[in-house]
Amino acid sequence: MEIRPSMTRLLHPDVPARPGGVPVTTPVYQTSTYELPRTAEAAQIAEAVAPVGYYTRYGSPNAAEAEAILADLDGAERALLVGSGMAAVSAALLSNVRAGTRVVAQTDHYTAALTLLRDVLPSFGVEVTLVAQESLQDAVDDTTDLVYAETPSNPAMVLTDLAAVRAAAPRALFVVDNTFASPYNTRPLDLGVDLVVQSATKYLNGHSDVTAGVLTGRAELIDRAWDTARVLGPTCHPFEAWLLARGLRTFPLRMARHNANGQAVAEALAAHPAVTAVHYPGLPGHPQHELARRQMAGFGGMLSFTVASAEAATAVLRGTRLARNAVSLGGTETLITHPVSLLFTHGDTATGIDPALLRLSVGLEEPEDIIADLVAALSAAASPGRRGPASPDGR
């Protein structure tokens, strides 16, 4: 699949002109409200969807700029920027369900999304069926109202065949979390998906300094989601929107590097004797590699791998120096986590996740430095009390 965002459009988004001289960089509109005209036009502004000059909970010039870029990246009619990835997921689902709605979703999701599906929606009378990711297309039919998928899934890097699910449930509203792939590698709307949600905190911003989320899709779906978000209030404030728009200007450059580094690290780990499995769709040995080649333009910087035991996984986690033990993903730095340990801290079960599995968000460092850090940690885990050479930054 060939997907290449236009750097020109990213650097020159189609946003409304501002009065007076036009700044090269959009300023931060750090205000909570705007003075309105003392005419009937004020009511028209108040009734508009996502007005940019009314009240910042409804919208802002900075949000509008980021939304224009995000809609273009996804090939969407419209985009809606909100305060977090979970705000995007919540707005997408809550604006399209009611008592009696039949939802089919995967069992493998981001933990908070799974809580929304498993606990919150059923409390409103929504019928939610959770199935194994590889069985999703077999579990949907003409009676399904909404399908929710995440691909690749967290943390096992399993793919959902979006075109096949669309064909199996032609009348259902199809919502997909595309955070791991990003629009650089997959554009779900091109594969029949109706509404895309992403944590803009991750690859879209790319600098680990913003919390935001985005929905993209047809205008009527975005308008409906905006009305839900207006009530629930998950605002993406002007400075965060400004930071996001700034990060988006280097998005294709960063993603090309993430893809290259992810592939190099995955291949190195797959060749290491202490690693028992590597879950990365860019490897020929991945069970869904052919699907990944059809559905993705590149394979990203996210992967997971297993070692001999949970104890060995903990030792590797403690042994890295360049890779930091931190949640989230998609920033410039490499991050490593032990998912089972984190699931327990959130009160969730670790069913289906190997205790010996580690998740890696491969950053933008030199690939040989990332690999050297992991190899040293793997060696130290195999020989307790020993640690390989320090990483290049001396940590």
Protein backbone atom coordinates (compact mmCIF):
# COMPACT_ATOMS: atom_id res chain seq x y z
CA MET A 1 0.00 0.00 0.00
CA GLU A 2 1.38 3.37 -1.01
CA ILE A 3 0.64 6.21 1.43
CA ARG A 4 2.78 9.32 1.47
CA PRO A 5 1.52 12.53 3.12
CA SER A 6 2.31 15.72 1.26
CA MET A 7 4.95 17.75 3.06
CA THR A 8 3.75 20.83 1.18
CA ARG A 9 0.20 20.52 2.51
CA LEU A 10 1.49 19.84 6.02
CA LEU A 11 3.56 23.01 5.92
CA HIS A 12 0.79 25.05 4.31
CA PRO A 13 -2.55 23.83 5.75
CA ASP A 14 -5.80 25.22 4.38
CA VAL A 15 -6.98 27.27 7.35
CA PRO A 16 -9.08 30.46 7.47
CA ALA A 17 -7.16 33.68 6.96
CA ARG A 18 -6.74 35.99 9.93
CA PRO A 19 -7.23 39.75 9.79
CA GLY A 20 -4.18 41.95 9.28
CA GLY A 21 -0.72 40.69 8.46
CA VAL A 22 -0.50 36.89 8.28
CA PRO A 23 2.14 35.43 10.62
CA VAL A 24 4.33 32.66 9.21
CA THR A 25 3.70 30.66 12.38
CA THR A 26 0.21 30.72 13.84
CA PRO A 27 0.26 32.39 17.28
CA VAL A 28 -1.20 30.73 20.36
CA TYR A 29 -4.70 32.09 20.96
CA GLN A 30 -4.45 31.76 24.74
CA THR A 31 -7.92 32.98 25.59
CA SER A 32 -10.99 31.26 26.98
CA THR A 33 -13.55 33.46 25.24
CA TYR A 34 -14.03 36.00 22.44
CA GLU A 35 -15.92 39.28 22.18
CA LEU A 36 -18.98 38.82 19.97
CA PRO A 37 -20.67 41.25 17.57
CA ARG A 38 -23.72 43.00 19.03
CA THR A 39 -25.89 41.76 16.19
CA ALA A 40 -27.80 38.63 15.16
CA GLU A 41 -24.49 37.25 13.92
CA ALA A 42 -23.62 36.39 17.55
CA ALA A 43 -26.39 33.78 17.66
CA GLN A 44 -25.17 32.28 14.40
CA ILE A 45 -21.68 31.94 15.84
CA ALA A 46 -23.04 30.32 19.02
CA GLU A 47 -25.06 27.78 17.02
CA ALA A 48 -22.18 26.81 14.71
CA VAL A 49 -20.29 23.52 14.97
CA ALA A 50 -16.77 24.09 16.36
CA PRO A 51 -16.72 27.88 16.00
CA VAL A 52 -13.17 29.23 16.22
CA GLY A 53 -14.04 32.57 17.81
CA TYR A 54 -16.74 31.94 20.40
CA TYR A 55 -15.64 29.96 23.46
CA THR A 56 -12.56 27.74 23.62
CA ARG A 57 -14.44 24.66 24.83
CA TYR A 58 -16.25 24.81 21.48
CA GLY A 59 -13.16 25.40 19.34
CA SER A 60 -10.20 27.68 18.74
CA PRO A 61 -8.04 28.91 15.85
CA ASN A 62 -5.24 26.62 17.03
CA ALA A 63 -7.52 23.58 17.13
CA ALA A 64 -8.87 24.47 13.69
CA GLU A 65 -5.35 24.54 12.24
CA ALA A 66 -4.46 21.14 13.70
CA GLU A 67 -7.80 19.71 12.55
CA ALA A 68 -7.18 20.88 8.97
CA ILE A 69 -3.83 19.08 8.92
CA LEU A 70 -5.23 15.93 10.56
CA ALA A 71 -8.18 15.71 8.18
CA ASP A 72 -5.82 15.98 5.22
CA LEU A 73 -3.54 13.27 6.59
CA ASP A 74 -6.43 10.82 6.91
CA GLY A 75 -8.16 11.80 3.67
CA ALA A 76 -11.21 12.81 5.72
CA GLU A 77 -13.89 15.44 5.26
CA ARG A 78 -13.46 16.70 8.78
CA ALA A 79 -11.47 16.21 11.97
CA LEU A 80 -12.25 16.91 15.61
CA LEU A 81 -9.47 17.60 18.11
CA VAL A 82 -10.12 16.68 21.75
CA GLY A 83 -8.15 16.47 24.98
CA SER A 84 -6.87 12.87 24.82
CA GLY A 85 -6.99 9.65 22.86
CA MET A 86 -9.59 8.25 25.25
CA ALA A 87 -11.67 11.40 24.78
CA ALA A 88 -11.64 10.62 21.05
CA VAL A 89 -12.65 7.00 21.64
CA SER A 90 -15.39 8.04 24.07
CA ALA A 91 -16.78 10.72 21.74
CA ALA A 92 -16.76 8.31 18.79
CA LEU A 93 -18.63 5.58 20.64
CA LEU A 94 -20.97 7.58 22.86
CA SER A 95 -22.17 9.69 19.94
CA ASN A 96 -23.20 6.58 18.00
CA VAL A 97 -24.77 4.21 20.55
CA ARG A 98 -27.93 4.07 22.62
CA ALA A 99 -29.79 1.40 24.58
CA GLY A 100 -30.20 -1.62 22.34
CA THR A 101 -27.30 -0.83 19.99
CA ARG A 102 -25.34 -3.97 19.08
CA VAL A 103 -21.57 -3.45 19.22
CA VAL A 104 -18.91 -5.99 18.27
CA ALA A 105 -15.33 -5.32 19.28
CA GLN A 106 -12.04 -7.09 19.87
CA THR A 107 -10.92 -8.44 23.22
CA ASP A 108 -7.51 -6.83 22.63
CA HIS A 109 -7.67 -3.08 23.15
CA TYR A 110 -6.02 -0.29 25.05
CA THR A 111 -7.05 -0.95 28.66
CA ALA A 112 -9.24 2.15 29.13
CA ALA A 113 -11.03 1.49 25.82
CA LEU A 114 -11.68 -2.07 26.96
CA THR A 115 -13.16 -0.74 30.22
CA LEU A 116 -15.46 1.55 28.22
CA LEU A 117 -16.62 -1.38 26.10
CA ARG A 118 -16.83 -3.96 28.85
CA ASP A 119 -18.27 -1.91 31.72
CA VAL A 120 -19.49 1.57 30.73
CA LEU A 121 -21.47 0.94 27.54
CA PRO A 122 -23.36 -2.08 28.93
CA SER A 123 -24.44 0.06 31.90
CA PHE A 124 -26.29 2.24 29.34
CA GLY A 125 -28.06 -0.74 27.83
CA VAL A 126 -25.66 -1.17 24.90
CA GLU A 127 -25.11 -4.79 23.87
CA VAL A 128 -21.36 -5.34 23.53
CA THR A 129 -19.85 -8.58 22.22
CA LEU A 130 -16.08 -8.97 22.62
CA VAL A 131 -14.36 -11.50 20.38
CA ALA A 132 -10.80 -12.54 19.59
CA GLN A 133 -9.23 -10.12 17.14
CA GLU A 134 -8.65 -12.73 14.46
CA SER A 135 -12.36 -13.71 14.68
CA LEU A 136 -13.78 -10.21 14.31
CA GLN A 137 -14.85 -10.55 10.68
CA ASP A 138 -16.63 -13.83 11.48
CA ALA A 139 -18.49 -12.33 14.45
CA VAL A 140 -20.12 -9.43 12.59
CA ASP A 141 -23.14 -9.60 10.30
CA ASP A 142 -26.06 -7.53 9.01
CA THR A 143 -27.49 -7.17 12.53
CA THR A 144 -24.34 -5.51 13.88
CA ASP A 145 -24.79 -1.77 14.44
CA LEU A 146 -21.22 -0.76 15.29
CA VAL A 147 -17.82 -2.42 14.98
CA TYR A 148 -14.83 -1.18 16.95
CA ALA A 149 -11.30 -2.34 16.12
CA GLU A 150 -7.70 -1.46 16.94
CA THR A 151 -4.93 -2.36 14.51
CA PRO A 152 -2.17 -3.21 15.19
CA SER A 153 -3.35 -4.10 18.66
CA ASN A 154 -1.62 -3.27 21.92
CA PRO A 155 0.71 -4.97 22.87
CA ALA A 156 0.68 -8.11 20.70
CA MET A 157 0.84 -6.28 17.34
CA VAL A 158 -2.01 -8.31 15.84
CA LEU A 159 -3.68 -6.85 12.75
CA THR A 160 -7.36 -6.58 11.87
CA ASP A 161 -8.22 -7.08 8.20
CA LEU A 162 -10.18 -3.85 7.75
CA ALA A 163 -11.44 -4.54 4.23
CA ALA A 164 -12.67 -8.01 5.26
CA VAL A 165 -14.53 -6.67 8.31
CA ARG A 166 -16.11 -3.95 6.17
CA ALA A 167 -17.33 -6.56 3.70
CA ALA A 168 -18.72 -8.75 6.48
CA ALA A 169 -20.72 -5.91 8.10
CA PRO A 170 -21.68 -3.53 5.28
CA ARG A 171 -24.36 -1.63 7.23
CA ALA A 172 -22.48 -1.27 10.53
CA LEU A 173 -20.73 1.92 11.58
CA PHE A 174 -17.06 0.95 11.54
CA VAL A 175 -14.77 2.76 14.03
CA VAL A 176 -11.02 2.04 14.12
CA ASP A 177 -8.22 3.09 16.46
CA ASN A 178 -5.28 3.78 14.15
CA THR A 179 -2.82 5.07 16.79
CA PHE A 180 -0.12 2.42 16.32
CA ALA A 181 -0.10 2.52 12.52
CA SER A 182 -0.70 6.28 12.12
CA PRO A 183 -1.94 7.72 8.82
CA TYR A 184 1.60 7.50 7.46
CA ASN A 185 1.27 3.71 7.35
CA THR A 186 -2.48 3.06 7.16
CA ARG A 187 -5.44 5.20 6.11
CA PRO A 188 -8.47 3.23 7.36
CA LEU A 189 -10.97 5.52 5.61
CA ASP A 190 -9.55 4.29 2.30
CA LEU A 191 -10.41 0.72 3.37
CA GLY A 192 -14.08 1.36 4.15
CA VAL A 193 -13.85 2.54 7.76
CA ASP A 194 -16.32 5.27 8.75
CA LEU A 195 -14.62 6.93 11.71
CA VAL A 196 -10.96 6.89 12.78
CA VAL A 197 -9.78 7.66 16.31
CA GLN A 198 -6.19 8.25 17.36
CA SER A 199 -4.23 9.34 20.36
CA ALA A 200 -2.54 12.44 18.97
CA THR A 201 -0.28 12.23 22.02
CA LYS A 202 1.69 9.56 20.18
CA TYR A 203 3.11 9.65 16.64
CA LEU A 204 1.04 12.61 15.45
CA ASN A 205 2.62 14.97 17.98
CA GLY A 206 5.78 12.92 18.29
CA HIS A 207 7.56 14.80 21.08
CA SER A 208 6.06 13.46 24.33
CA ASP A 209 4.85 16.91 25.36
CA VAL A 210 1.15 16.91 24.39
CA THR A 211 -1.94 14.98 25.47
CA ALA A 212 -4.58 15.08 22.74
CA GLY A 213 -6.88 12.93 20.63
CA VAL A 214 -8.48 13.18 17.21
CA LEU A 215 -11.45 11.80 15.30
CA THR A 216 -11.58 11.91 11.50
CA GLY A 217 -14.32 10.94 9.09
CA ARG A 218 -17.42 12.19 7.30
CA ALA A 219 -18.67 15.62 8.25
CA GLU A 220 -21.96 14.42 9.77
CA LEU A 221 -20.15 11.94 12.04
CA ILE A 222 -17.68 14.59 13.18
CA ASP A 223 -20.50 17.06 13.84
CA ARG A 224 -22.27 14.45 15.97
CA ALA A 225 -19.07 13.67 17.88
CA TRP A 226 -18.44 17.38 18.42
CA ASP A 227 -21.86 17.75 20.02
CA THR A 228 -21.05 14.89 22.42
CA ALA A 229 -17.62 16.37 23.18
CA ARG A 230 -19.21 19.78 23.75
CA VAL A 231 -21.32 18.24 26.50
CA LEU A 232 -18.58 16.10 28.06
CA GLY A 233 -15.96 18.85 27.79
CA PRO A 234 -12.67 17.15 26.75
CA THR A 235 -11.12 20.34 25.38
CA CYS A 236 -7.75 20.39 23.64
CA HIS A 237 -6.51 23.76 24.81
CA PRO A 238 -4.84 26.26 22.47
CA PHE A 239 -1.24 25.70 23.54
CA GLU A 240 -1.54 21.90 23.22
CA ALA A 241 -3.19 22.33 19.81
CA TRP A 242 -0.37 24.67 18.79
CA LEU A 243 2.26 22.14 19.90
CA LEU A 244 0.44 19.40 18.00
CA ALA A 245 0.32 21.45 14.79
CA ARG A 246 4.02 22.16 15.19
CA GLY A 247 4.80 18.46 15.63
CA LEU A 248 2.69 17.51 12.62
CA ARG A 249 4.92 19.55 10.33
CA THR A 250 7.68 16.95 10.72
CA PHE A 251 5.34 13.95 10.84
CA PRO A 252 6.40 12.28 7.55
CA LEU A 253 10.09 12.77 8.33
CA ARG A 254 9.73 11.27 11.79
CA MET A 255 7.60 8.34 10.63
CA ALA A 256 10.08 7.36 7.92
CA ARG A 257 12.73 7.13 10.64
CA HIS A 258 10.43 5.25 13.04
CA ASN A 259 9.68 2.72 10.29
CA ALA A 260 13.35 2.22 9.46
CA ASN A 261 14.43 1.96 13.10
CA GLY A 262 11.56 -0.34 14.01
CA GLN A 263 12.47 -2.73 11.20
CA ALA A 264 16.16 -2.74 12.13
CA VAL A 265 15.50 -3.34 15.83
CA ALA A 266 12.95 -6.07 15.12
CA GLU A 267 15.40 -7.92 12.88
CA ALA A 268 18.18 -7.65 15.46
CA LEU A 269 15.95 -8.95 18.24
CA ALA A 270 14.70 -11.81 16.07
CA ALA A 271 18.31 -12.91 15.58
CA HIS A 272 19.21 -12.78 19.29
CA PRO A 273 19.36 -16.17 21.08
CA ALA A 274 17.79 -14.81 24.29
CA VAL A 275 14.65 -13.64 22.45
CA THR A 276 12.01 -16.32 21.94
CA ALA A 277 9.62 -14.31 19.73
CA VAL A 278 9.33 -10.88 18.12
CA HIS A 279 5.91 -9.45 17.29
CA TYR A 280 6.39 -6.99 14.44
CA PRO A 281 4.33 -7.04 11.24
CA GLY A 282 7.34 -6.04 9.15
CA LEU A 283 9.06 -9.39 9.78
CA PRO A 284 8.41 -12.10 7.16
CA GLY A 285 7.82 -14.53 10.02
CA HIS A 286 4.90 -12.52 11.43
CA PRO A 287 1.75 -14.60 10.81
CA GLN A 288 0.01 -11.61 9.24
CA HIS A 289 2.93 -10.25 7.25
CA GLU A 290 1.10 -10.52 3.93
CA LEU A 291 -1.91 -8.68 5.35
CA ALA A 292 0.44 -6.02 6.72
CA ARG A 293 1.99 -5.57 3.28
CA ARG A 294 -1.48 -5.10 1.75
CA GLN A 295 -2.85 -2.82 4.47
CA MET A 296 0.19 -0.84 5.56
CA ALA A 297 2.71 1.34 3.73
CA GLY A 298 5.26 0.77 6.51
CA PHE A 299 5.33 -1.10 9.78
CA GLY A 300 5.98 1.58 12.39
CA GLY A 301 8.17 1.80 15.46
CA MET A 302 6.06 -0.35 17.81
CA LEU A 303 6.95 -3.96 18.57
CA SER A 304 6.87 -6.45 21.37
CA PHE A 305 9.13 -9.38 22.13
CA THR A 306 9.32 -12.24 24.59
CA VAL A 307 12.24 -13.67 26.50
CA ALA A 308 12.66 -16.87 28.49
CA SER A 309 10.57 -15.92 31.55
CA ALA A 310 8.87 -13.16 33.46
CA GLU A 311 12.00 -12.85 35.60
CA ALA A 312 14.13 -12.41 32.50
CA ALA A 313 11.72 -9.76 31.18
CA THR A 314 12.01 -7.84 34.44
CA ALA A 315 15.80 -8.09 34.27
CA VAL A 316 15.84 -6.72 30.70
CA LEU A 317 13.54 -3.88 31.75
CA ARG A 318 15.91 -2.98 34.57
CA GLY A 319 18.97 -3.39 32.37
CA THR A 320 18.32 -0.90 29.60
CA ARG A 321 19.98 2.51 29.78
CA LEU A 322 18.98 4.20 26.53
CA ALA A 323 15.44 2.76 26.46
CA ARG A 324 13.41 4.31 29.29
CA ASN A 325 10.78 2.51 31.33
CA ALA A 326 7.77 4.71 30.59
CA VAL A 327 4.28 4.33 29.19
CA SER A 328 3.05 5.97 25.98
CA LEU A 329 4.78 5.72 22.62
CA GLY A 330 5.61 7.52 19.41
CA GLY A 331 8.03 10.10 20.82
CA THR A 332 11.59 10.80 19.77
CA GLU A 333 12.95 8.58 22.55
CA THR A 334 12.85 4.79 22.84
CA LEU A 335 10.56 3.48 25.60
CA ILE A 336 10.23 0.00 27.06
CA THR A 337 7.52 -1.43 29.32
CA HIS A 338 6.49 -4.75 30.87
CA PRO A 339 2.74 -4.83 30.06
CA VAL A 340 1.72 -7.49 32.58
CA SER A 341 3.10 -5.46 35.49
CA LEU A 342 1.28 -2.34 34.32
CA LEU A 343 -2.02 -4.14 33.85
CA PHE A 344 -1.95 -5.27 37.44
CA THR A 345 -1.45 -1.70 38.61
CA HIS A 346 -4.67 -0.68 36.84
CA GLY A 347 -6.70 -3.42 38.47
CA ASP A 348 -7.08 -5.32 35.19
CA THR A 349 -6.25 -8.93 34.52
CA ALA A 350 -3.33 -9.99 32.41
CA THR A 351 -5.31 -12.70 30.59
CA GLY A 352 -3.78 -13.52 27.25
CA ILE A 353 -0.59 -11.49 27.72
CA ASP A 354 2.63 -13.42 28.15
CA PRO A 355 4.37 -12.44 31.43
CA ALA A 356 7.66 -12.70 29.52
CA LEU A 357 6.60 -10.08 26.96
CA LEU A 358 8.12 -6.60 26.72
CA ARG A 359 6.73 -3.73 24.64
CA LEU A 360 9.09 -1.40 22.82
CA SER A 361 8.43 1.99 21.27
CA VAL A 362 11.42 2.47 19.01
CA GLY A 363 12.52 6.10 18.91
CA LEU A 364 14.61 8.23 16.57
CA GLU A 365 18.05 7.49 18.03
CA GLU A 366 20.71 5.85 15.87
CA PRO A 367 19.47 2.26 15.36
CA GLU A 368 22.80 0.73 16.28
CA ASP A 369 22.64 2.51 19.66
CA ILE A 370 19.14 1.19 20.39
CA ILE A 371 20.21 -2.31 19.40
CA ALA A 372 23.40 -2.15 21.50
CA ASP A 373 21.39 -1.08 24.56
CA LEU A 374 18.94 -3.97 24.15
CA VAL A 375 21.68 -6.51 23.49
CA ALA A 376 23.53 -5.39 26.63
CA ALA A 377 20.34 -5.68 28.70
CA LEU A 378 19.61 -9.13 27.27
CA SER A 379 23.15 -10.24 28.09
CA ALA A 380 22.88 -8.88 31.63
CA ALA A 381 19.56 -10.70 32.10
CA ALA A 382 21.16 -13.95 31.01
CA SER A 383 24.13 -13.37 33.34
CA PRO A 384 22.83 -11.72 36.56
CA GLY A 385 25.24 -9.24 38.07
CA ARG A 386 26.75 -8.28 34.73
CA ARG A 387 25.84 -5.32 32.57
CA GLY A 388 27.19 -4.60 29.12
CA PRO A 389 28.83 -1.36 28.02
CA ALA A 390 27.06 1.86 28.89
CA SER A 391 24.84 3.36 26.23
CA PRO A 392 26.19 6.33 24.22
CA ASP A 393 24.60 8.93 26.46
CA GLY A 394 26.34 7.45 29.50
CA ARG A 395 23.19 6.51 31.42
